[in-house]
C-alpha atoms as a PDB file:
ATOM      1  CA  MET A   1       9.498 -11.730  -9.729  1.00  0.00           C
ATOM      2  CA  LEU A   2       6.649  -9.288 -10.260  1.00  0.00           C
ATOM      3  CA  LEU A   3       3.319 -10.652 -11.419  1.00  0.00           C
ATOM      4  CA  PRO A   4       1.055  -8.905 -13.919  1.00  0.00           C
ATOM      5  CA  ALA A   5      -1.095  -6.073 -12.601  1.00  0.00           C
ATOM      6  CA  ALA A   6      -3.537  -7.145  -9.897  1.00  0.00           C
ATOM      7  CA  ALA A   7      -7.187  -7.550 -10.754  1.00  0.00           C
ATOM      8  CA  ARG A   8      -9.419  -4.529 -10.311  1.00  0.00           C
ATOM      9  CA  GLY A   9     -10.820  -4.234  -6.835  1.00  0.00           C
ATOM     10  CA  SER A  10      -7.939  -6.030  -5.150  1.00  0.00           C
ATOM     11  CA  TRP A  11      -6.435  -2.821  -3.756  1.00  0.00           C
ATOM     12  CA  GLU A  12      -7.926  -1.135  -0.727  1.00  0.00           C
ATOM     13  CA  SER A  13      -7.385   1.665   1.737  1.00  0.00           C
ATOM     14  CA  SER A  14      -7.197   0.628   5.355  1.00  0.00           C
ATOM     15  CA  GLY A  15      -7.531   4.088   6.762  1.00  0.00           C
ATOM     16  CA  ILE A  16      -7.071   7.813   6.630  1.00  0.00           C
ATOM     17  CA  VAL A  17      -5.510   9.583   9.607  1.00  0.00           C
ATOM     18  CA  ASP A  18      -5.425  13.301  10.399  1.00  0.00           C
ATOM     19  CA  ALA A  19      -1.710  14.143  10.351  1.00  0.00           C
ATOM     20  CA  SER A  20      -2.039  17.909  10.791  1.00  0.00           C
ATOM     21  CA  ALA A  21      -0.133  17.851  14.094  1.00  0.00           C
ATOM     22  CA  ALA A  22       2.979  16.566  12.306  1.00  0.00           C
ATOM     23  CA  PHE A  23       2.624  18.018   8.779  1.00  0.00           C
ATOM     24  CA  GLY A  24       0.427  21.102   9.131  1.00  0.00           C
ATOM     25  CA  LYS A  25      -3.199  22.006   8.545  1.00  0.00           C
ATOM     26  CA  GLY A  26      -4.993  19.890   5.931  1.00  0.00           C
ATOM     27  CA  ALA A  27      -2.513  16.972   6.042  1.00  0.00           C
ATOM     28  CA  PHE A  28      -3.700  13.352   6.114  1.00  0.00           C
ATOM     29  CA  LEU A  29      -1.887  10.002   5.961  1.00  0.00           C
ATOM     30  CA  VAL A  30      -3.532   7.432   3.672  1.00  0.00           C
ATOM     31  CA  ASP A  31      -2.597   3.731   3.565  1.00  0.00           C
ATOM     32  CA  VAL A  32      -3.125   1.689   0.386  1.00  0.00           C
ATOM     33  CA  GLN A  33      -2.849  -2.110   0.500  1.00  0.00           C
ATOM     34  CA  ALA A  34      -2.024  -3.753  -2.828  1.00  0.00           C
ATOM     35  CA  HIS A  35      -2.809  -7.461  -2.536  1.00  0.00           C
ATOM     36  CA  GLY A  36      -0.863 -10.265  -4.172  1.00  0.00           C
ATOM     37  CA  LEU A  37       1.641  -8.433  -6.336  1.00  0.00           C
ATOM     38  CA  GLU A  38       4.905 -10.224  -5.504  1.00  0.00           C
ATOM     39  CA  LEU A  39       5.722 -13.913  -5.727  1.00  0.00           C
ATOM     40  CA  GLU A  40       9.022 -15.633  -4.950  1.00  0.00           C
ATOM     41  CA  THR A  41      10.036 -19.288  -4.825  1.00  0.00           C
ATOM     42  CA  ALA A  42      12.807 -20.104  -2.373  1.00  0.00           C
ATOM     43  CA  SER A  43      15.609 -21.813  -4.291  1.00  0.00           C
ATOM     44  CA  GLY A  44      15.683 -25.552  -3.764  1.00  0.00           C
ATOM     45  CA  SER A  45      12.864 -25.593  -1.209  1.00  0.00           C
ATOM     46  CA  GLY A  46       9.834 -25.479  -3.469  1.00  0.00           C
ATOM     47  CA  PHE A  47       8.145 -23.024  -1.078  1.00  0.00           C
ATOM     48  CA  GLU A  48       6.358 -20.041  -2.545  1.00  0.00           C
ATOM     49  CA  TYR A  49       6.383 -16.734  -0.671  1.00  0.00           C
ATOM     50  CA  ARG A  50       3.655 -14.256  -1.483  1.00  0.00           C
ATOM     51  CA  ARG A  51       4.039 -10.712  -0.235  1.00  0.00           C
ATOM     52  CA  GLU A  52       1.601  -7.913   0.176  1.00  0.00           C
ATOM     53  CA  ALA A  53       2.562  -4.542  -1.196  1.00  0.00           C
ATOM     54  CA  GLY A  54       1.417  -1.110  -0.162  1.00  0.00           C
ATOM     55  CA  GLN A  55       2.043   2.575   0.082  1.00  0.00           C
ATOM     56  CA  LEU A  56       1.777   5.224   2.755  1.00  0.00           C
ATOM     57  CA  LEU A  57       0.732   8.523   1.173  1.00  0.00           C
ATOM     58  CA  LEU A  58       0.720  12.070   2.509  1.00  0.00           C
ATOM     59  CA  LEU A  59      -2.371  13.903   1.231  1.00  0.00           C
ATOM     60  CA  ARG A  60      -2.599  17.677   1.547  1.00  0.00           C
ATOM     61  CA  VAL A  61      -5.973  19.404   1.202  1.00  0.00           C
ATOM     62  CA  PRO A  62      -5.521  23.044   0.131  1.00  0.00           C
ATOM     63  CA  ASN A  63      -7.163  25.470   2.554  1.00  0.00           C
ATOM     64  CA  GLY A  64      -8.032  22.419   4.699  1.00  0.00           C
END
């Protein structure tokens, strides 16, 4: 089950890495951590599982 949109400020970047060796000049990998967006209750157990979400993005800077 997806919860409503997370509160402002609860997403963060954990780093930006130069990826030009793999993807060409001006390429960077950016990681975004989206906190607390998924919630699941295991059937019959009563346990709640909260998962972190996130994305790995490829950013290209023109003429970089």
